[in-house]
Structure formats: structure tokens, C-alpha cells
């Protein structure tokens, strides 16, 4: 299976999890030319706009930590930058916003809410 299909599998699991927890999916795989991509944009039950980074790991033995270990400070800063572009482009001013990380591996799915204050 190629990396794009593997990533799509992880993202679909994350989408299913978010929907099961009451979120509405607004968009997926939002690209910003060369700057980057936001995996999932959702609206939580309280109306908060949630920018979700999905980290999926199929490997059985992860010696460097789980998939969430790949979501470092640099990646969070990039997501913040992309989220600001999205908010500006969609005119979503005065909305509550948060950044979440969903990590998926053989041990299950872990949802980390509010990974950065914007």
C-alpha cells in the first residue's frame, strides 16, 4: 500500500472518530499552495472550529514513540499559520478555534485537544 493510501486510511479513521463524537466535518485535505495542508477541519458540538492534524503509524514497533511524536513544535506552528489563512479566507472571525492532534497506531486512537493556543 502506498503512503497516500495509508494516510487516507488514517484520516478516515479520524473522521469516523470525530463524527462519532458529535463533530461535523467541514473540509478535508485543505491545501495552501506550497505552505502545507490541514488534514481535517471540523466543527465541534459547541461550535468551535477544530483544525485536526492526523498522525497514523502502521508499524508494529515504534522505537521513537507513537505517531504523535512526529507532531513537533514546528508542525504545530505550521498548522497555526494555515489555520489563520483559512480563518481569513473564510471570514470566520470571532469564532472559537482550536488545534487537535489525532494519533493512530496499533495501540488505538488518541485524541489530543487544544494542542496550541492561537
PDB file of N, CA and C in Angstrom:
ATOM      1  N   UNK A   1       0.851  -1.177   0.000  1.00  0.00           N
ATOM      2  CA  UNK A   1       0.000   0.000   0.000  1.00  0.00           C
ATOM      3  C   UNK A   1       0.899   1.244   0.000  1.00  0.00           C
ATOM      4  N   UNK A   2       0.608   2.215  -0.872  1.00  0.00           N
ATOM      5  CA  UNK A   2       1.443   3.409  -0.932  1.00  0.00           C
ATOM      6  C   UNK A   2       1.121   4.375   0.209  1.00  0.00           C
ATOM      7  N   UNK A   3       1.985   5.354   0.410  1.00  0.00           N
ATOM      8  CA  UNK A   3       1.847   6.253   1.551  1.00  0.00           C
ATOM      9  C   UNK A   3       0.577   7.096   1.493  1.00  0.00           C
ATOM     10  N   UNK A   4       0.142   7.459   0.298  1.00  0.00           N
ATOM     11  CA  UNK A   4      -1.098   8.240   0.178  1.00  0.00           C
ATOM     12  C   UNK A   4      -2.300   7.423   0.648  1.00  0.00           C
ATOM     13  N   UNK A   5      -2.358   6.147   0.280  1.00  0.00           N
ATOM     14  CA  UNK A   5      -3.461   5.283   0.725  1.00  0.00           C
ATOM     15  C   UNK A   5      -3.393   5.043   2.230  1.00  0.00           C
ATOM     16  N   UNK A   6      -2.184   4.881   2.743  1.00  0.00           N
ATOM     17  CA  UNK A   6      -2.013   4.683   4.183  1.00  0.00           C
ATOM     18  C   UNK A   6      -2.511   5.923   4.928  1.00  0.00           C
ATOM     19  N   UNK A   7      -2.123   7.101   4.443  1.00  0.00           N
ATOM     20  CA  UNK A   7      -2.568   8.348   5.060  1.00  0.00           C
ATOM     21  C   UNK A   7      -4.075   8.506   4.996  1.00  0.00           C
ATOM     22  N   UNK A   8      -4.668   8.140   3.865  1.00  0.00           N
ATOM     23  CA  UNK A   8      -6.120   8.235   3.705  1.00  0.00           C
ATOM     24  C   UNK A   8      -6.836   7.304   4.674  1.00  0.00           C
ATOM     25  N   UNK A   9      -6.260   6.135   4.927  1.00  0.00           N
ATOM     26  CA  UNK A   9      -6.842   5.186   5.884  1.00  0.00           C
ATOM     27  C   UNK A   9      -6.862   5.799   7.278  1.00  0.00           C
ATOM     28  N   UNK A  10      -5.755   6.396   7.682  1.00  0.00           N
ATOM     29  CA  UNK A  10      -5.682   7.039   8.991  1.00  0.00           C
ATOM     30  C   UNK A  10      -6.642   8.208   9.103  1.00  0.00           C
ATOM     31  N   UNK A  11      -6.709   9.022   8.066  1.00  0.00           N
ATOM     32  CA  UNK A  11      -7.617  10.167   8.094  1.00  0.00           C
ATOM     33  C   UNK A  11      -9.073   9.731   8.169  1.00  0.00           C
ATOM     34  N   UNK A  12      -9.418   8.654   7.473  1.00  0.00           N
ATOM     35  CA  UNK A  12     -10.806   8.178   7.534  1.00  0.00           C
ATOM     36  C   UNK A  12     -11.141   7.691   8.940  1.00  0.00           C
ATOM     37  N   UNK A  13     -10.216   7.010   9.603  1.00  0.00           N
ATOM     38  CA  UNK A  13     -10.441   6.586  10.989  1.00  0.00           C
ATOM     39  C   UNK A  13     -10.652   7.788  11.889  1.00  0.00           C
ATOM     40  N   UNK A  14      -9.868   8.850  11.669  1.00  0.00           N
ATOM     41  CA  UNK A  14     -10.010  10.073  12.459  1.00  0.00           C
ATOM     42  C   UNK A  14     -11.368  10.732  12.201  1.00  0.00           C
ATOM     43  N   UNK A  15     -11.783  10.787  10.931  1.00  0.00           N
ATOM     44  CA  UNK A  15     -13.086  11.362  10.583  1.00  0.00           C
ATOM     45  C   UNK A  15     -14.204  10.576  11.257  1.00  0.00           C
ATOM     46  N   UNK A  16     -14.137   9.260  11.184  1.00  0.00           N
ATOM     47  CA  UNK A  16     -15.166   8.418  11.815  1.00  0.00           C
ATOM     48  C   UNK A  16     -15.228   8.685  13.319  1.00  0.00           C
ATOM     49  N   UNK A  17     -14.063   8.823  13.953  1.00  0.00           N
ATOM     50  CA  UNK A  17     -13.995   9.107  15.388  1.00  0.00           C
ATOM     51  C   UNK A  17     -14.632  10.463  15.699  1.00  0.00           C
ATOM     52  N   UNK A  18     -14.286  11.478  14.929  1.00  0.00           N
ATOM     53  CA  UNK A  18     -14.836  12.815  15.175  1.00  0.00           C
ATOM     54  C   UNK A  18     -16.352  12.840  15.005  1.00  0.00           C
ATOM     55  N   UNK A  19     -16.846  12.214  13.958  1.00  0.00           N
ATOM     56  CA  UNK A  19     -18.294  12.162  13.723  1.00  0.00           C
ATOM     57  C   UNK A  19     -18.985  11.426  14.864  1.00  0.00           C
ATOM     58  N   UNK A  20     -18.413  10.314  15.302  1.00  0.00           N
ATOM     59  CA  UNK A  20     -18.991   9.550  16.412  1.00  0.00           C
ATOM     60  C   UNK A  20     -19.042  10.363  17.696  1.00  0.00           C
ATOM     61  N   UNK A  21     -18.178  11.373  17.797  1.00  0.00           N
ATOM     62  CA  UNK A  21     -18.146  12.225  18.981  1.00  0.00           C
ATOM     63  C   UNK A  21     -18.860  13.562  18.757  1.00  0.00           C
ATOM     64  N   UNK A  22     -19.693  13.622  17.748  1.00  0.00           N
ATOM     65  CA  UNK A  22     -20.577  14.761  17.546  1.00  0.00           C
ATOM     66  C   UNK A  22     -20.060  15.875  16.666  1.00  0.00           C
ATOM     67  N   UNK A  23     -18.872  15.747  16.126  1.00  0.00           N
ATOM     68  CA  UNK A  23     -18.316  16.798  15.259  1.00  0.00           C
ATOM     69  C   UNK A  23     -18.916  16.707  13.862  1.00  0.00           C
ATOM     70  N   UNK A  24     -18.976  17.848  13.216  1.00  0.00           N
ATOM     71  CA  UNK A  24     -19.370  17.900  11.808  1.00  0.00           C
ATOM     72  C   UNK A  24     -18.109  18.221  11.001  1.00  0.00           C
ATOM     73  N   UNK A  25     -17.869  17.429   9.991  1.00  0.00           N
ATOM     74  CA  UNK A  25     -16.697  17.633   9.151  1.00  0.00           C
ATOM     75  C   UNK A  25     -17.007  18.740   8.153  1.00  0.00           C
ATOM     76  N   UNK A  26     -16.180  19.779   8.181  1.00  0.00           N
ATOM     77  CA  UNK A  26     -16.361  20.907   7.260  1.00  0.00           C
ATOM     78  C   UNK A  26     -15.585  20.673   5.972  1.00  0.00           C
ATOM     79  N   UNK A  27     -14.310  20.292   6.115  1.00  0.00           N
ATOM     80  CA  UNK A  27     -13.458  20.056   4.946  1.00  0.00           C
ATOM     81  C   UNK A  27     -12.357  19.068   5.312  1.00  0.00           C
ATOM     82  N   UNK A  28     -11.794  18.473   4.276  1.00  0.00           N
ATOM     83  CA  UNK A  28     -10.660  17.557   4.438  1.00  0.00           C
ATOM     84  C   UNK A  28      -9.575  17.916   3.440  1.00  0.00           C
ATOM     85  N   UNK A  29      -8.346  17.676   3.833  1.00  0.00           N
ATOM     86  CA  UNK A  29      -7.182  17.882   2.966  1.00  0.00           C
ATOM     87  C   UNK A  29      -7.203  19.250   2.283  1.00  0.00           C
ATOM     88  N   UNK A  30      -7.227  20.277   3.085  1.00  0.00           N
ATOM     89  CA  UNK A  30      -7.248  21.646   2.570  1.00  0.00           C
ATOM     90  C   UNK A  30      -5.811  22.070   2.290  1.00  0.00           C
ATOM     91  N   UNK A  31      -5.511  22.320   1.017  1.00  0.00           N
ATOM     92  CA  UNK A  31      -4.158  22.679   0.583  1.00  0.00           C
ATOM     93  C   UNK A  31      -4.002  24.192   0.480  1.00  0.00           C
ATOM     94  N   UNK A  32      -2.839  24.655   0.872  1.00  0.00           N
ATOM     95  CA  UNK A  32      -2.480  26.059   0.740  1.00  0.00           C
ATOM     96  C   UNK A  32      -1.190  26.142  -0.065  1.00  0.00           C
ATOM     97  N   UNK A  33      -1.308  26.028  -1.343  1.00  0.00           N
ATOM     98  CA  UNK A  33      -0.196  26.013  -2.303  1.00  0.00           C
ATOM     99  C   UNK A  33       1.036  25.324  -1.720  1.00  0.00           C
ATOM    100  N   UNK A  34       2.114  26.038  -1.548  1.00  0.00           N
ATOM    101  CA  UNK A  34       3.352  25.399  -1.087  1.00  0.00           C
ATOM    102  C   UNK A  34       3.518  25.431   0.426  1.00  0.00           C
ATOM    103  N   UNK A  35       2.600  26.071   1.110  1.00  0.00           N
ATOM    104  CA  UNK A  35       2.737  26.226   2.564  1.00  0.00           C
ATOM    105  C   UNK A  35       2.442  24.928   3.294  1.00  0.00           C
ATOM    106  N   UNK A  36       1.404  24.227   2.886  1.00  0.00           N
ATOM    107  CA  UNK A  36       1.070  22.980   3.557  1.00  0.00           C
ATOM    108  C   UNK A  36      -0.389  22.601   3.412  1.00  0.00           C
ATOM    109  N   UNK A  37      -0.817  21.712   4.285  1.00  0.00           N
ATOM    110  CA  UNK A  37      -2.158  21.142   4.213  1.00  0.00           C
ATOM    111  C   UNK A  37      -2.698  20.939   5.624  1.00  0.00           C
ATOM    112  N   UNK A  38      -3.986  21.163   5.765  1.00  0.00           N
ATOM    113  CA  UNK A  38      -4.686  20.819   7.001  1.00  0.00           C
ATOM    114  C   UNK A  38      -5.461  19.543   6.706  1.00  0.00           C
ATOM    115  N   UNK A  39      -5.265  18.527   7.537  1.00  0.00           N
ATOM    116  CA  UNK A  39      -5.892  17.221   7.284  1.00  0.00           C
ATOM    117  C   UNK A  39      -7.408  17.276   7.382  1.00  0.00           C
ATOM    118  N   UNK A  40      -7.916  17.809   8.506  1.00  0.00           N
ATOM    119  CA  UNK A  40      -9.363  17.836   8.728  1.00  0.00           C
ATOM    120  C   UNK A  40      -9.725  19.162   9.388  1.00  0.00           C
ATOM    121  N   UNK A  41     -10.823  19.751   8.920  1.00  0.00           N
ATOM    122  CA  UNK A  41     -11.400  20.913   9.591  1.00  0.00           C
ATOM    123  C   UNK A  41     -12.812  20.508   9.980  1.00  0.00           C
ATOM    124  N   UNK A  42     -13.106  20.616  11.266  1.00  0.00           N
ATOM    125  CA  UNK A  42     -14.394  20.165  11.789  1.00  0.00           C
ATOM    126  C   UNK A  42     -15.006  21.238  12.673  1.00  0.00           C
ATOM    127  N   UNK A  43     -16.290  21.093  12.945  1.00  0.00           N
ATOM    128  CA  UNK A  43     -16.971  21.956  13.903  1.00  0.00           C
ATOM    129  C   UNK A  43     -17.410  21.076  15.057  1.00  0.00           C
ATOM    130  N   UNK A  44     -16.946  21.410  16.262  1.00  0.00           N
ATOM    131  CA  UNK A  44     -17.283  20.639  17.455  1.00  0.00           C
ATOM    132  C   UNK A  44     -18.718  20.953  17.874  1.00  0.00           C
ATOM    133  N   UNK A  45     -19.221  20.192  18.820  1.00  0.00           N
ATOM    134  CA  UNK A  45     -20.610  20.336  19.257  1.00  0.00           C
ATOM    135  C   UNK A  45     -20.907  21.721  19.823  1.00  0.00           C
ATOM    136  N   UNK A  46     -19.893  22.407  20.357  1.00  0.00           N
ATOM    137  CA  UNK A  46     -20.091  23.758  20.909  1.00  0.00           C
ATOM    138  C   UNK A  46     -19.848  24.858  19.878  1.00  0.00           C
ATOM    139  N   UNK A  47     -19.625  24.488  18.622  1.00  0.00           N
ATOM    140  CA  UNK A  47     -19.413  25.456  17.561  1.00  0.00           C
ATOM    141  C   UNK A  47     -17.958  25.812  17.306  1.00  0.00           C
ATOM    142  N   UNK A  48     -17.050  25.275  18.104  1.00  0.00           N
ATOM    143  CA  UNK A  48     -15.629  25.547  17.928  1.00  0.00           C
ATOM    144  C   UNK A  48     -15.146  24.966  16.600  1.00  0.00           C
ATOM    145  N   UNK A  49     -14.373  25.761  15.856  1.00  0.00           N
ATOM    146  CA  UNK A  49     -13.757  25.280  14.624  1.00  0.00           C
ATOM    147  C   UNK A  49     -12.477  24.550  15.032  1.00  0.00           C
ATOM    148  N   UNK A  50     -12.348  23.303  14.598  1.00  0.00           N
ATOM    149  CA  UNK A  50     -11.225  22.458  15.015  1.00  0.00           C
ATOM    150  C   UNK A  50     -10.387  22.097  13.793  1.00  0.00           C
ATOM    151  N   UNK A  51      -9.104  22.438  13.871  1.00  0.00           N
ATOM    152  CA  UNK A  51      -8.137  22.077  12.842  1.00  0.00           C
ATOM    153  C   UNK A  51      -7.409  20.842  13.357  1.00  0.00           C
ATOM    154  N   UNK A  52      -7.533  19.740  12.626  1.00  0.00           N
ATOM    155  CA  UNK A  52      -7.036  18.451  13.109  1.00  0.00           C
ATOM    156  C   UNK A  52      -5.865  17.968  12.263  1.00  0.00           C
ATOM    157  N   UNK A  53      -4.775  17.648  12.940  1.00  0.00           N
ATOM    158  CA  UNK A  53      -3.617  17.005  12.313  1.00  0.00           C
ATOM    159  C   UNK A  53      -3.698  15.523  12.665  1.00  0.00           C
ATOM    160  N   UNK A  54      -3.652  14.671  11.651  1.00  0.00           N
ATOM    161  CA  UNK A  54      -3.730  13.225  11.863  1.00  0.00           C
ATOM    162  C   UNK A  54      -2.349  12.622  11.670  1.00  0.00           C
ATOM    163  N   UNK A  55      -1.925  11.849  12.638  1.00  0.00           N
ATOM    164  CA  UNK A  55      -0.663  11.112  12.552  1.00  0.00           C
ATOM    165  C   UNK A  55      -1.009   9.632  12.676  1.00  0.00           C
ATOM    166  N   UNK A  56      -0.691   8.895  11.628  1.00  0.00           N
ATOM    167  CA  UNK A  56      -1.050   7.476  11.544  1.00  0.00           C
ATOM    168  C   UNK A  56       0.209   6.653  11.363  1.00  0.00           C
ATOM    169  N   UNK A  57       0.330   5.590  12.119  1.00  0.00           N
ATOM    170  CA  UNK A  57       1.513   4.740  12.058  1.00  0.00           C
ATOM    171  C   UNK A  57       1.064   3.285  11.981  1.00  0.00           C
ATOM    172  N   UNK A  58       1.423   2.611  10.912  1.00  0.00           N
ATOM    173  CA  UNK A  58       1.068   1.203  10.753  1.00  0.00           C
ATOM    174  C   UNK A  58       2.115   0.271  11.329  1.00  0.00           C
ATOM    175  N   UNK A  59       3.288   0.792  11.643  1.00  0.00           N
ATOM    176  CA  UNK A  59       4.370  -0.069  12.111  1.00  0.00           C
ATOM    177  C   UNK A  59       4.026  -0.696  13.460  1.00  0.00           C
ATOM    178  N   UNK A  60       4.460  -1.914  13.625  1.00  0.00           N
ATOM    179  CA  UNK A  60       4.198  -2.637  14.872  1.00  0.00           C
ATOM    180  C   UNK A  60       5.094  -2.178  16.005  1.00  0.00           C
ATOM    181  N   UNK A  61       6.311  -1.821  15.692  1.00  0.00           N
ATOM    182  CA  UNK A  61       7.270  -1.473  16.727  1.00  0.00           C
ATOM    183  C   UNK A  61       7.804  -0.073  16.458  1.00  0.00           C
ATOM    184  N   UNK A  62       7.403   0.876  17.281  1.00  0.00           N
ATOM    185  CA  UNK A  62       7.821   2.261  17.082  1.00  0.00           C
ATOM    186  C   UNK A  62       8.821   2.643  18.158  1.00  0.00           C
ATOM    187  N   UNK A  63      10.093   2.563  17.820  1.00  0.00           N
ATOM    188  CA  UNK A  63      11.146   2.813  18.798  1.00  0.00           C
ATOM    189  C   UNK A  63      11.309   4.292  19.138  1.00  0.00           C
ATOM    190  N   UNK A  64      10.730   5.187  18.339  1.00  0.00           N
ATOM    191  CA  UNK A  64      10.871   6.622  18.584  1.00  0.00           C
ATOM    192  C   UNK A  64       9.601   7.241  19.138  1.00  0.00           C
ATOM    193  N   UNK A  65       8.742   6.456  19.733  1.00  0.00           N
ATOM    194  CA  UNK A  65       7.480   6.965  20.258  1.00  0.00           C
ATOM    195  C   UNK A  65       6.354   6.728  19.276  1.00  0.00           C
ATOM    196  N   UNK A  66       5.157   7.049  19.709  1.00  0.00           N
ATOM    197  CA  UNK A  66       3.994   6.879  18.857  1.00  0.00           C
ATOM    198  C   UNK A  66       3.954   7.915  17.752  1.00  0.00           C
ATOM    199  N   UNK A  67       2.929   7.857  16.937  1.00  0.00           N
ATOM    200  CA  UNK A  67       2.831   8.789  15.816  1.00  0.00           C
ATOM    201  C   UNK A  67       2.758  10.247  16.274  1.00  0.00           C
ATOM    202  N   UNK A  68       2.251  10.475  17.471  1.00  0.00           N
ATOM    203  CA  UNK A  68       2.163  11.849  17.966  1.00  0.00           C
ATOM    204  C   UNK A  68       3.533  12.485  18.182  1.00  0.00           C
ATOM    205  N   UNK A  69       4.561  11.661  18.302  1.00  0.00           N
ATOM    206  CA  UNK A  69       5.931  12.177  18.457  1.00  0.00           C
ATOM    207  C   UNK A  69       6.375  12.943  17.208  1.00  0.00           C
ATOM    208  N   UNK A  70       5.726  12.677  16.074  1.00  0.00           N
ATOM    209  CA  UNK A  70       6.058  13.376  14.828  1.00  0.00           C
ATOM    210  C   UNK A  70       5.366  14.733  14.715  1.00  0.00           C
ATOM    211  N   UNK A  71       4.528  15.073  15.674  1.00  0.00           N
ATOM    212  CA  UNK A  71       3.839  16.366  15.664  1.00  0.00           C
ATOM    213  C   UNK A  71       4.576  17.298  16.622  1.00  0.00           C
ATOM    214  N   UNK A  72       5.651  17.879  16.129  1.00  0.00           N
ATOM    215  CA  UNK A  72       6.520  18.704  16.956  1.00  0.00           C
ATOM    216  C   UNK A  72       6.090  20.179  16.927  1.00  0.00           C
ATOM    217  N   UNK A  73       6.855  21.023  17.600  1.00  0.00           N
ATOM    218  CA  UNK A  73       6.551  22.447  17.686  1.00  0.00           C
ATOM    219  C   UNK A  73       6.497  23.085  16.302  1.00  0.00           C
ATOM    220  N   UNK A  74       7.416  22.720  15.448  1.00  0.00           N
ATOM    221  CA  UNK A  74       7.444  23.264  14.082  1.00  0.00           C
ATOM    222  C   UNK A  74       6.149  22.938  13.329  1.00  0.00           C
ATOM    223  N   UNK A  75       5.679  21.708  13.455  1.00  0.00           N
ATOM    224  CA  UNK A  75       4.448  21.302  12.781  1.00  0.00           C
ATOM    225  C   UNK A  75       3.244  22.061  13.336  1.00  0.00           C
ATOM    226  N   UNK A  76       3.177  22.230  14.652  1.00  0.00           N
ATOM    227  CA  UNK A  76       2.067  22.967  15.259  1.00  0.00           C
ATOM    228  C   UNK A  76       2.080  24.422  14.775  1.00  0.00           C
ATOM    229  N   UNK A  77       3.264  25.030  14.705  1.00  0.00           N
ATOM    230  CA  UNK A  77       3.359  26.407  14.204  1.00  0.00           C
ATOM    231  C   UNK A  77       2.860  26.501  12.761  1.00  0.00           C
ATOM    232  N   UNK A  78       3.179  25.488  11.962  1.00  0.00           N
ATOM    233  CA  UNK A  78       2.703  25.473  10.578  1.00  0.00           C
ATOM    234  C   UNK A  78       1.179  25.372  10.542  1.00  0.00           C
ATOM    235  N   UNK A  79       0.607  24.540  11.391  1.00  0.00           N
ATOM    236  CA  UNK A  79      -0.854  24.393  11.426  1.00  0.00           C
ATOM    237  C   UNK A  79      -1.505  25.710  11.852  1.00  0.00           C
ATOM    238  N   UNK A  80      -0.901  26.393  12.821  1.00  0.00           N
ATOM    239  CA  UNK A  80      -1.425  27.689  13.254  1.00  0.00           C
ATOM    240  C   UNK A  80      -1.441  28.667  12.084  1.00  0.00           C
ATOM    241  N   UNK A  81      -0.352  28.708  11.335  1.00  0.00           N
ATOM    242  CA  UNK A  81      -0.253  29.597  10.177  1.00  0.00           C
ATOM    243  C   UNK A  81      -1.343  29.262   9.144  1.00  0.00           C
ATOM    244  N   UNK A  82      -1.507  27.977   8.860  1.00  0.00           N
ATOM    245  CA  UNK A  82      -2.526  27.548   7.907  1.00  0.00           C
ATOM    246  C   UNK A  82      -3.929  27.864   8.415  1.00  0.00           C
ATOM    247  N   UNK A  83      -4.151  27.657   9.708  1.00  0.00           N
ATOM    248  CA  UNK A  83      -5.460  27.948  10.303  1.00  0.00           C
ATOM    249  C   UNK A  83      -5.781  29.434  10.175  1.00  0.00           C
ATOM    250  N   UNK A  84      -4.793  30.290  10.382  1.00  0.00           N
ATOM    251  CA  UNK A  84      -5.013  31.731  10.241  1.00  0.00           C
ATOM    252  C   UNK A  84      -5.377  32.094   8.807  1.00  0.00           C
ATOM    253  N   UNK A  85      -4.710  31.479   7.828  1.00  0.00           N
ATOM    254  CA  UNK A  85      -5.065  31.696   6.420  1.00  0.00           C
ATOM    255  C   UNK A  85      -6.509  31.271   6.171  1.00  0.00           C
ATOM    256  N   UNK A  86      -6.859  30.102   6.675  1.00  0.00           N
ATOM    257  CA  UNK A  86      -8.210  29.566   6.468  1.00  0.00           C
ATOM    258  C   UNK A  86      -9.256  30.490   7.089  1.00  0.00           C
ATOM    259  N   UNK A  87      -9.020  30.906   8.330  1.00  0.00           N
ATOM    260  CA  UNK A  87      -9.961  31.799   9.020  1.00  0.00           C
ATOM    261  C   UNK A  87     -10.140  33.093   8.233  1.00  0.00           C
ATOM    262  N   UNK A  88      -9.044  33.643   7.761  1.00  0.00           N
ATOM    263  CA  UNK A  88      -9.113  34.879   6.986  1.00  0.00           C
ATOM    264  C   UNK A  88      -9.861  34.671   5.663  1.00  0.00           C
ATOM    265  N   UNK A  89      -9.524  33.607   4.942  1.00  0.00           N
ATOM    266  CA  UNK A  89     -10.158  33.342   3.641  1.00  0.00           C
ATOM    267  C   UNK A  89     -11.649  33.066   3.754  1.00  0.00           C
ATOM    268  N   UNK A  90     -12.053  32.395   4.824  1.00  0.00           N
ATOM    269  CA  UNK A  90     -13.464  32.026   5.019  1.00  0.00           C
ATOM    270  C   UNK A  90     -14.220  33.052   5.860  1.00  0.00           C
ATOM    271  N   UNK A  91     -13.497  34.102   6.318  1.00  0.00           N
ATOM    272  CA  UNK A  91     -14.094  35.161   7.141  1.00  0.00           C
ATOM    273  C   UNK A  91     -14.769  34.583   8.393  1.00  0.00           C
ATOM    274  N   UNK A  92     -14.058  33.735   9.071  1.00  0.00           N
ATOM    275  CA  UNK A  92     -14.563  33.090  10.282  1.00  0.00           C
ATOM    276  C   UNK A  92     -14.083  33.814  11.541  1.00  0.00           C
ATOM    277  N   UNK A  93     -14.042  35.131  11.459  1.00  0.00           N
ATOM    278  CA  UNK A  93     -13.591  35.918  12.591  1.00  0.00           C
ATOM    279  C   UNK A  93     -14.552  35.739  13.770  1.00  0.00           C
ATOM    280  N   UNK A  94     -14.045  35.930  14.967  1.00  0.00           N
ATOM    281  CA  UNK A  94     -14.833  35.845  16.206  1.00  0.00           C
ATOM    282  C   UNK A  94     -15.414  34.453  16.449  1.00  0.00           C
ATOM    283  N   UNK A  95     -14.783  33.439  15.915  1.00  0.00           N
ATOM    284  CA  UNK A  95     -15.178  32.051  16.174  1.00  0.00           C
ATOM    285  C   UNK A  95     -14.157  31.429  17.120  1.00  0.00           C
ATOM    286  N   UNK A  96     -14.635  30.566  17.978  1.00  0.00           N
ATOM    287  CA  UNK A  96     -13.705  29.808  18.823  1.00  0.00           C
ATOM    288  C   UNK A  96     -12.975  28.816  17.934  1.00  0.00           C
ATOM    289  N   UNK A  97     -11.663  28.699  18.144  1.00  0.00           N
ATOM    290  CA  UNK A  97     -10.821  27.858  17.303  1.00  0.00           C
ATOM    291  C   UNK A  97      -9.892  27.039  18.186  1.00  0.00           C
ATOM    292  N   UNK A  98      -9.591  25.815  17.752  1.00  0.00           N
ATOM    293  CA  UNK A  98      -8.575  25.032  18.457  1.00  0.00           C
ATOM    294  C   UNK A  98      -7.887  24.095  17.474  1.00  0.00           C
ATOM    295  N   UNK A  99      -6.711  23.633  17.899  1.00  0.00           N
ATOM    296  CA  UNK A  99      -5.929  22.698  17.096  1.00  0.00           C
ATOM    297  C   UNK A  99      -5.826  21.396  17.871  1.00  0.00           C
ATOM    298  N   UNK A 100      -6.219  20.301  17.226  1.00  0.00           N
ATOM    299  CA  UNK A 100      -6.166  18.972  17.818  1.00  0.00           C
ATOM    300  C   UNK A 100      -5.220  18.089  17.021  1.00  0.00           C
ATOM    301  N   UNK A 101      -4.718  17.069  17.685  1.00  0.00           N
ATOM    302  CA  UNK A 101      -3.923  16.037  17.027  1.00  0.00           C
ATOM    303  C   UNK A 101      -4.593  14.704  17.327  1.00  0.00           C
ATOM    304  N   UNK A 102      -4.776  13.905  16.286  1.00  0.00           N
ATOM    305  CA  UNK A 102      -5.268  12.541  16.455  1.00  0.00           C
ATOM    306  C   UNK A 102      -4.154  11.604  16.023  1.00  0.00           C
ATOM    307  N   UNK A 103      -3.711  10.780  16.964  1.00  0.00           N
ATOM    308  CA  UNK A 103      -2.643   9.810  16.711  1.00  0.00           C
ATOM    309  C   UNK A 103      -3.262   8.415  16.679  1.00  0.00           C
ATOM    310  N   UNK A 104      -2.906   7.656  15.645  1.00  0.00           N
ATOM    311  CA  UNK A 104      -3.469   6.318  15.471  1.00  0.00           C
ATOM    312  C   UNK A 104      -2.330   5.339  15.217  1.00  0.00           C
ATOM    313  N   UNK A 105      -2.328   4.248  15.968  1.00  0.00           N
ATOM    314  CA  UNK A 105      -1.366   3.165  15.740  1.00  0.00           C
ATOM    315  C   UNK A 105      -1.976   1.860  16.234  1.00  0.00           C
ATOM    316  N   UNK A 106      -1.139   0.824  16.364  1.00  0.00           N
ATOM    317  CA  UNK A 106      -1.649  -0.488  16.774  1.00  0.00           C
ATOM    318  C   UNK A 106      -2.227  -0.470  18.190  1.00  0.00           C
ATOM    319  N   UNK A 107      -1.900   0.557  18.969  1.00  0.00           N
ATOM    320  CA  UNK A 107      -2.433   0.672  20.329  1.00  0.00           C
ATOM    321  C   UNK A 107      -3.762   1.412  20.383  1.00  0.00           C
ATOM    322  N   UNK A 108      -4.233   1.885  19.250  1.00  0.00           N
ATOM    323  CA  UNK A 108      -5.525   2.558  19.209  1.00  0.00           C
ATOM    324  C   UNK A 108      -5.425   3.998  18.744  1.00  0.00           C
ATOM    325  N   UNK A 109      -6.471   4.745  19.051  1.00  0.00           N
ATOM    326  CA  UNK A 109      -6.575   6.140  18.642  1.00  0.00           C
ATOM    327  C   UNK A 109      -6.514   7.012  19.889  1.00  0.00           C
ATOM    328  N   UNK A 110      -5.690   8.074  19.808  1.00  0.00           N
ATOM    329  CA  UNK A 110      -5.580   9.018  20.911  1.00  0.00           C
ATOM    330  C   UNK A 110      -5.882  10.411  20.370  1.00  0.00           C
ATOM    331  N   UNK A 111      -6.770  11.109  21.077  1.00  0.00           N
ATOM    332  CA  UNK A 111      -7.204  12.439  20.647  1.00  0.00           C
ATOM    333  C   UNK A 111      -6.647  13.471  21.625  1.00  0.00           C
ATOM    334  N   UNK A 112      -5.776  14.344  21.132  1.00  0.00           N
ATOM    335  CA  UNK A 112      -5.180  15.399  21.944  1.00  0.00           C
ATOM    336  C   UNK A 112      -5.847  16.710  21.561  1.00  0.00           C
ATOM    337  N   UNK A 113      -6.615  17.257  22.478  1.00  0.00           N
ATOM    338  CA  UNK A 113      -7.341  18.506  22.203  1.00  0.00           C
ATOM    339  C   UNK A 113      -6.516  19.711  22.607  1.00  0.00           C
ATOM    340  N   UNK A 114      -6.707  20.781  21.854  1.00  0.00           N
ATOM    341  CA  UNK A 114      -6.135  22.080  22.175  1.00  0.00           C
ATOM    342  C   UNK A 114      -4.618  22.036  22.296  1.00  0.00           C
ATOM    343  N   UNK A 115      -3.966  21.596  21.248  1.00  0.00           N
ATOM    344  CA  UNK A 115      -2.513  21.453  21.245  1.00  0.00           C
ATOM    345  C   UNK A 115      -1.789  22.780  21.195  1.00  0.00           C
ATOM    346  N   UNK A 116      -2.486  23.835  20.870  1.00  0.00           N
ATOM    347  CA  UNK A 116      -1.840  25.148  20.835  1.00  0.00           C
ATOM    348  C   UNK A 116      -2.899  26.223  21.003  1.00  0.00           C
ATOM    349  N   UNK A 117      -2.552  27.237  21.713  1.00  0.00           N
ATOM    350  CA  UNK A 117      -3.449  28.377  21.859  1.00  0.00           C
ATOM    351  C   UNK A 117      -3.144  29.357  20.725  1.00  0.00           C
ATOM    352  N   UNK A 118      -4.159  29.727  19.968  1.00  0.00           N
ATOM    353  CA  UNK A 118      -3.955  30.669  18.877  1.00  0.00           C
ATOM    354  C   UNK A 118      -4.106  32.047  19.441  1.00  0.00           C
TER     355      UNK A 118
END
